[in-house]
Amino acid sequence: MVTEVNVHEAKTHLSRLLKQVEDGERVVISRGGSPVADLVQHVRPRLTAGLLRGQLHYDSETFDDPDRALARQMVDGPLGPEAG
């Protein structure tokens, strides 16, 4: 079932509308008769470990030699002469 309300009605009855969404309904919020937003149940994204396996590659030519000056700044303090 779909319920359509205007912005004023949505602000006034937000708790009731959220209960309707929890019960599986979809609520459309309109401004001037034109739909602008849908209230729908939140769906938590499913995270899968290893999703990018085989798609990311390490470039040893770029990352083999550490930048000693950058490493020293990261350990010893703020970056840049004006910091501090």
Foldseek 3Di string as FASTA:
>chain_A
DEAEEEPVVCVVCVVVVVVVQVVPYKYFYDYPPHTDDIDHDDDDDDDDPCPCPPPDDDDCVVPVDDDVVVVCCVPPHDDDPVDD
